[in-house]
Amino acid sequence: MPLYLRLTELLQVEYRLVANFPKQYKYSLGQDMIAMTWKMLDLFITAQTYPATKKQEKLENIQMINQQHDCLNLRIRFCGELKLISLKQQSRLNESSTEIGNMIGSWLKHV
């Protein structure tokens, strides 16, 4: 369950960061990032509940998690470009995101 823990940690950081976004970004870009992380958590839980006989469905779910992760990375980078987050905050988010990406990639290889 390390992936679950990393996703929940990322979600907590996102909530704290988005609370400080200007109003024009808080309810669009910020909420979009949070929604993507929630979607990854939901897909993770769904993938965990598939029985061993439903390998293809599990693989599709993990691929969807990976896709959401890629989209989230784009938004994190965009937040940095818009100066909504500091370089230090962006660096921490990127570190966390890299860990999550490595876990997803490893999971994809083992399914």
N, C-alpha and C. Protein backbone atom coordinates (compact mmCIF):
# COMPACT_ATOMS: atom_id res chain seq x y z
N MET A 1 0.80 -1.21 0.00
CA MET A 1 0.00 0.00 0.00
C MET A 1 0.84 1.28 0.00
N PRO A 2 2.14 1.20 -0.33
CA PRO A 2 2.91 2.45 -0.36
C PRO A 2 2.38 3.46 -1.37
N LEU A 3 1.84 2.98 -2.49
CA LEU A 3 1.29 3.89 -3.49
C LEU A 3 0.10 4.65 -2.90
N TYR A 4 -0.74 3.97 -2.17
CA TYR A 4 -1.88 4.61 -1.52
C TYR A 4 -1.40 5.72 -0.58
N LEU A 5 -0.38 5.42 0.20
CA LEU A 5 0.15 6.40 1.15
C LEU A 5 0.72 7.61 0.43
N ARG A 6 1.46 7.38 -0.65
CA ARG A 6 2.05 8.49 -1.40
C ARG A 6 0.96 9.35 -2.05
N LEU A 7 -0.08 8.71 -2.55
CA LEU A 7 -1.17 9.47 -3.17
C LEU A 7 -1.91 10.32 -2.13
N THR A 8 -2.14 9.76 -0.94
CA THR A 8 -2.82 10.55 0.09
C THR A 8 -1.94 11.69 0.58
N GLU A 9 -0.63 11.46 0.67
CA GLU A 9 0.29 12.55 1.04
C GLU A 9 0.26 13.65 -0.01
N LEU A 10 0.28 13.25 -1.28
CA LEU A 10 0.22 14.22 -2.37
C LEU A 10 -1.08 15.01 -2.31
N LEU A 11 -2.15 14.35 -2.02
CA LEU A 11 -3.46 15.00 -1.92
C LEU A 11 -3.46 16.05 -0.81
N GLN A 12 -2.88 15.72 0.34
CA GLN A 12 -2.81 16.67 1.44
C GLN A 12 -2.00 17.91 1.05
N VAL A 13 -0.88 17.70 0.38
CA VAL A 13 -0.05 18.82 -0.07
C VAL A 13 -0.83 19.68 -1.07
N GLU A 14 -1.51 19.03 -1.99
CA GLU A 14 -2.29 19.77 -2.99
C GLU A 14 -3.35 20.63 -2.34
N TYR A 15 -4.07 20.09 -1.37
CA TYR A 15 -5.10 20.87 -0.70
C TYR A 15 -4.50 22.11 -0.05
N ARG A 16 -3.34 21.96 0.59
CA ARG A 16 -2.69 23.11 1.24
C ARG A 16 -2.23 24.14 0.21
N LEU A 17 -1.67 23.68 -0.89
CA LEU A 17 -1.18 24.60 -1.91
C LEU A 17 -2.32 25.32 -2.62
N VAL A 18 -3.34 24.56 -2.99
CA VAL A 18 -4.46 25.14 -3.73
C VAL A 18 -5.21 26.18 -2.89
N ALA A 19 -5.21 26.02 -1.59
CA ALA A 19 -5.87 26.99 -0.72
C ALA A 19 -5.25 28.38 -0.87
N ASN A 20 -3.99 28.44 -1.29
CA ASN A 20 -3.30 29.72 -1.46
C ASN A 20 -3.29 30.23 -2.89
N PHE A 21 -3.89 29.50 -3.80
CA PHE A 21 -3.96 29.95 -5.19
C PHE A 21 -4.88 31.17 -5.28
N PRO A 22 -4.62 32.06 -6.24
CA PRO A 22 -5.58 33.13 -6.52
C PRO A 22 -6.91 32.51 -6.95
N LYS A 23 -7.98 33.22 -6.69
CA LYS A 23 -9.33 32.70 -6.95
C LYS A 23 -9.51 32.20 -8.38
N GLN A 24 -8.93 32.89 -9.34
CA GLN A 24 -9.11 32.49 -10.74
C GLN A 24 -8.50 31.14 -11.06
N TYR A 25 -7.54 30.68 -10.26
CA TYR A 25 -6.90 29.38 -10.49
C TYR A 25 -7.35 28.32 -9.48
N LYS A 26 -7.80 28.78 -8.34
CA LYS A 26 -8.18 27.85 -7.27
C LYS A 26 -9.30 26.92 -7.71
N TYR A 27 -10.29 27.47 -8.39
CA TYR A 27 -11.48 26.68 -8.74
C TYR A 27 -11.42 26.10 -10.14
N SER A 28 -10.30 26.23 -10.80
CA SER A 28 -10.13 25.60 -12.11
C SER A 28 -8.92 24.68 -12.05
N LEU A 29 -7.75 25.23 -12.19
CA LEU A 29 -6.52 24.44 -12.20
C LEU A 29 -6.32 23.68 -10.88
N GLY A 30 -6.53 24.37 -9.76
CA GLY A 30 -6.34 23.74 -8.46
C GLY A 30 -7.30 22.58 -8.22
N GLN A 31 -8.57 22.80 -8.48
CA GLN A 31 -9.54 21.74 -8.28
C GLN A 31 -9.34 20.60 -9.26
N ASP A 32 -8.86 20.92 -10.44
CA ASP A 32 -8.57 19.90 -11.44
C ASP A 32 -7.46 18.97 -10.95
N MET A 33 -6.40 19.55 -10.37
CA MET A 33 -5.30 18.75 -9.84
C MET A 33 -5.79 17.83 -8.71
N ILE A 34 -6.57 18.39 -7.82
CA ILE A 34 -7.10 17.60 -6.70
C ILE A 34 -7.99 16.48 -7.22
N ALA A 35 -8.84 16.80 -8.20
CA ALA A 35 -9.73 15.78 -8.77
C ALA A 35 -8.94 14.66 -9.43
N MET A 36 -7.83 15.00 -10.08
CA MET A 36 -7.01 13.96 -10.72
C MET A 36 -6.39 13.03 -9.69
N THR A 37 -5.94 13.59 -8.59
CA THR A 37 -5.35 12.76 -7.55
C THR A 37 -6.41 11.87 -6.91
N TRP A 38 -7.60 12.41 -6.69
CA TRP A 38 -8.70 11.58 -6.17
C TRP A 38 -9.02 10.45 -7.15
N LYS A 39 -9.01 10.78 -8.45
CA LYS A 39 -9.30 9.77 -9.47
C LYS A 39 -8.24 8.67 -9.43
N MET A 40 -6.97 9.04 -9.25
CA MET A 40 -5.92 8.03 -9.15
C MET A 40 -6.14 7.15 -7.93
N LEU A 41 -6.54 7.75 -6.81
CA LEU A 41 -6.83 6.95 -5.61
C LEU A 41 -7.98 5.99 -5.85
N ASP A 42 -9.04 6.48 -6.47
CA ASP A 42 -10.19 5.63 -6.77
C ASP A 42 -9.82 4.47 -7.68
N LEU A 43 -9.04 4.78 -8.72
CA LEU A 43 -8.61 3.73 -9.64
C LEU A 43 -7.69 2.73 -8.95
N PHE A 44 -6.85 3.21 -8.05
CA PHE A 44 -5.97 2.33 -7.28
C PHE A 44 -6.79 1.33 -6.47
N ILE A 45 -7.78 1.84 -5.76
CA ILE A 45 -8.62 0.96 -4.93
C ILE A 45 -9.36 -0.04 -5.79
N THR A 46 -9.87 0.41 -6.93
CA THR A 46 -10.56 -0.49 -7.84
C THR A 46 -9.62 -1.58 -8.36
N ALA A 47 -8.42 -1.19 -8.76
CA ALA A 47 -7.44 -2.16 -9.28
C ALA A 47 -7.05 -3.16 -8.20
N GLN A 48 -6.99 -2.74 -6.97
CA GLN A 48 -6.61 -3.63 -5.87
C GLN A 48 -7.68 -4.69 -5.61
N THR A 49 -8.92 -4.39 -5.93
CA THR A 49 -10.01 -5.31 -5.62
C THR A 49 -10.27 -6.34 -6.71
N TYR A 50 -9.63 -6.18 -7.89
CA TYR A 50 -9.85 -7.16 -8.95
C TYR A 50 -9.24 -8.50 -8.56
N PRO A 51 -9.96 -9.59 -8.78
CA PRO A 51 -9.37 -10.91 -8.52
C PRO A 51 -8.30 -11.23 -9.56
N ALA A 52 -7.49 -12.20 -9.27
CA ALA A 52 -6.38 -12.58 -10.16
C ALA A 52 -6.87 -12.98 -11.56
N THR A 53 -8.13 -13.43 -11.66
CA THR A 53 -8.67 -13.87 -12.95
C THR A 53 -8.99 -12.69 -13.88
N LYS A 54 -9.03 -11.48 -13.36
CA LYS A 54 -9.37 -10.29 -14.16
C LYS A 54 -8.12 -9.44 -14.40
N LYS A 55 -7.09 -10.09 -14.92
CA LYS A 55 -5.81 -9.42 -15.15
C LYS A 55 -5.93 -8.27 -16.14
N GLN A 56 -6.69 -8.46 -17.21
CA GLN A 56 -6.82 -7.43 -18.24
C GLN A 56 -7.49 -6.17 -17.68
N GLU A 57 -8.55 -6.33 -16.89
CA GLU A 57 -9.23 -5.19 -16.30
C GLU A 57 -8.30 -4.44 -15.34
N LYS A 58 -7.53 -5.20 -14.58
CA LYS A 58 -6.59 -4.59 -13.64
C LYS A 58 -5.53 -3.80 -14.41
N LEU A 59 -5.03 -4.38 -15.48
CA LEU A 59 -4.02 -3.70 -16.30
C LEU A 59 -4.58 -2.40 -16.87
N GLU A 60 -5.80 -2.43 -17.36
CA GLU A 60 -6.43 -1.23 -17.91
C GLU A 60 -6.56 -0.15 -16.84
N ASN A 61 -6.93 -0.55 -15.63
CA ASN A 61 -7.05 0.40 -14.52
C ASN A 61 -5.70 1.03 -14.19
N ILE A 62 -4.67 0.22 -14.16
CA ILE A 62 -3.33 0.74 -13.85
C ILE A 62 -2.87 1.69 -14.94
N GLN A 63 -3.19 1.37 -16.19
CA GLN A 63 -2.84 2.27 -17.30
C GLN A 63 -3.59 3.59 -17.18
N MET A 64 -4.83 3.55 -16.71
CA MET A 64 -5.58 4.79 -16.49
C MET A 64 -4.96 5.60 -15.35
N ILE A 65 -4.47 4.93 -14.32
CA ILE A 65 -3.77 5.64 -13.24
C ILE A 65 -2.55 6.33 -13.81
N ASN A 66 -1.81 5.63 -14.64
CA ASN A 66 -0.61 6.18 -15.26
C ASN A 66 -0.95 7.40 -16.13
N GLN A 67 -2.03 7.33 -16.86
CA GLN A 67 -2.46 8.45 -17.70
C GLN A 67 -2.82 9.66 -16.84
N GLN A 68 -3.56 9.43 -15.76
CA GLN A 68 -3.92 10.51 -14.85
C GLN A 68 -2.66 11.15 -14.25
N HIS A 69 -1.71 10.29 -13.93
CA HIS A 69 -0.44 10.77 -13.36
C HIS A 69 0.29 11.68 -14.35
N ASP A 70 0.34 11.30 -15.61
CA ASP A 70 0.98 12.12 -16.64
C ASP A 70 0.29 13.48 -16.77
N CYS A 71 -1.03 13.46 -16.75
CA CYS A 71 -1.80 14.71 -16.85
C CYS A 71 -1.57 15.60 -15.63
N LEU A 72 -1.48 14.99 -14.47
CA LEU A 72 -1.21 15.74 -13.25
C LEU A 72 0.17 16.40 -13.31
N ASN A 73 1.15 15.68 -13.83
CA ASN A 73 2.49 16.26 -13.97
C ASN A 73 2.48 17.51 -14.83
N LEU A 74 1.69 17.51 -15.89
CA LEU A 74 1.58 18.69 -16.75
C LEU A 74 1.01 19.88 -15.98
N ARG A 75 0.04 19.63 -15.15
CA ARG A 75 -0.58 20.70 -14.38
C ARG A 75 0.36 21.24 -13.30
N ILE A 76 1.14 20.35 -12.70
CA ILE A 76 2.12 20.79 -11.71
C ILE A 76 3.14 21.73 -12.39
N ARG A 77 3.61 21.32 -13.55
CA ARG A 77 4.57 22.15 -14.29
C ARG A 77 3.94 23.50 -14.65
N PHE A 78 2.69 23.48 -15.06
CA PHE A 78 1.99 24.70 -15.43
C PHE A 78 1.84 25.63 -14.23
N CYS A 79 1.58 25.06 -13.06
CA CYS A 79 1.49 25.86 -11.83
C CYS A 79 2.82 26.57 -11.56
N GLY A 80 3.91 25.88 -11.81
CA GLY A 80 5.22 26.49 -11.64
C GLY A 80 5.45 27.61 -12.65
N GLU A 81 5.04 27.39 -13.88
CA GLU A 81 5.21 28.40 -14.93
C GLU A 81 4.39 29.66 -14.63
N LEU A 82 3.22 29.46 -14.03
CA LEU A 82 2.36 30.60 -13.68
C LEU A 82 2.76 31.23 -12.35
N LYS A 83 3.77 30.68 -11.71
CA LYS A 83 4.27 31.16 -10.41
C LYS A 83 3.21 31.04 -9.31
N LEU A 84 2.34 30.02 -9.44
CA LEU A 84 1.35 29.76 -8.40
C LEU A 84 1.99 29.02 -7.23
N ILE A 85 3.09 28.33 -7.51
CA ILE A 85 3.85 27.64 -6.49
C ILE A 85 5.32 28.03 -6.65
N SER A 86 6.04 27.99 -5.55
CA SER A 86 7.45 28.35 -5.59
C SER A 86 8.25 27.20 -6.22
N LEU A 87 9.50 27.48 -6.55
CA LEU A 87 10.37 26.44 -7.10
C LEU A 87 10.56 25.32 -6.09
N LYS A 88 10.66 25.67 -4.82
CA LYS A 88 10.82 24.67 -3.77
C LYS A 88 9.59 23.77 -3.69
N GLN A 89 8.41 24.36 -3.75
CA GLN A 89 7.17 23.58 -3.72
C GLN A 89 7.06 22.71 -4.97
N GLN A 90 7.42 23.26 -6.11
CA GLN A 90 7.37 22.49 -7.34
C GLN A 90 8.35 21.33 -7.28
N SER A 91 9.51 21.56 -6.71
CA SER A 91 10.51 20.51 -6.58
C SER A 91 9.99 19.38 -5.69
N ARG A 92 9.35 19.74 -4.58
CA ARG A 92 8.79 18.71 -3.68
C ARG A 92 7.69 17.93 -4.37
N LEU A 93 6.82 18.63 -5.08
CA LEU A 93 5.75 17.95 -5.82
C LEU A 93 6.33 17.03 -6.89
N ASN A 94 7.35 17.49 -7.58
CA ASN A 94 7.98 16.66 -8.61
C ASN A 94 8.63 15.42 -8.01
N GLU A 95 9.27 15.57 -6.85
CA GLU A 95 9.87 14.41 -6.17
C GLU A 95 8.80 13.38 -5.83
N SER A 96 7.73 13.87 -5.22
CA SER A 96 6.63 12.98 -4.84
C SER A 96 6.02 12.33 -6.08
N SER A 97 5.84 13.11 -7.12
CA SER A 97 5.25 12.60 -8.35
C SER A 97 6.16 11.56 -9.01
N THR A 98 7.46 11.78 -8.94
CA THR A 98 8.40 10.81 -9.50
C THR A 98 8.32 9.49 -8.76
N GLU A 99 8.24 9.55 -7.43
CA GLU A 99 8.08 8.32 -6.64
C GLU A 99 6.81 7.58 -7.04
N ILE A 100 5.73 8.32 -7.16
CA ILE A 100 4.45 7.73 -7.54
C ILE A 100 4.56 7.11 -8.93
N GLY A 101 5.19 7.82 -9.86
CA GLY A 101 5.36 7.30 -11.21
C GLY A 101 6.18 6.03 -11.25
N ASN A 102 7.22 5.97 -10.42
CA ASN A 102 8.03 4.75 -10.35
C ASN A 102 7.21 3.58 -9.81
N MET A 103 6.37 3.85 -8.83
CA MET A 103 5.53 2.78 -8.26
C MET A 103 4.52 2.29 -9.28
N ILE A 104 3.93 3.21 -10.01
CA ILE A 104 2.96 2.83 -11.05
C ILE A 104 3.67 2.01 -12.13
N GLY A 105 4.83 2.46 -12.57
CA GLY A 105 5.59 1.74 -13.60
C GLY A 105 5.96 0.34 -13.16
N SER A 106 6.37 0.20 -11.93
CA SER A 106 6.70 -1.11 -11.38
C SER A 106 5.47 -2.02 -11.34
N TRP A 107 4.36 -1.44 -10.95
CA TRP A 107 3.10 -2.19 -10.87
C TRP A 107 2.70 -2.66 -12.27
N LEU A 108 2.86 -1.78 -13.27
CA LEU A 108 2.53 -2.17 -14.65
C LEU A 108 3.37 -3.35 -15.13
N LYS A 109 4.64 -3.38 -14.75
CA LYS A 109 5.53 -4.46 -15.17
C LYS A 109 5.16 -5.79 -14.53
N HIS A 110 4.58 -5.74 -13.34
CA HIS A 110 4.32 -6.97 -12.59
C HIS A 110 2.91 -7.53 -12.77
N VAL A 111 2.11 -6.86 -13.57
CA VAL A 111 0.74 -7.37 -13.76
C VAL A 111 0.71 -8.38 -14.87
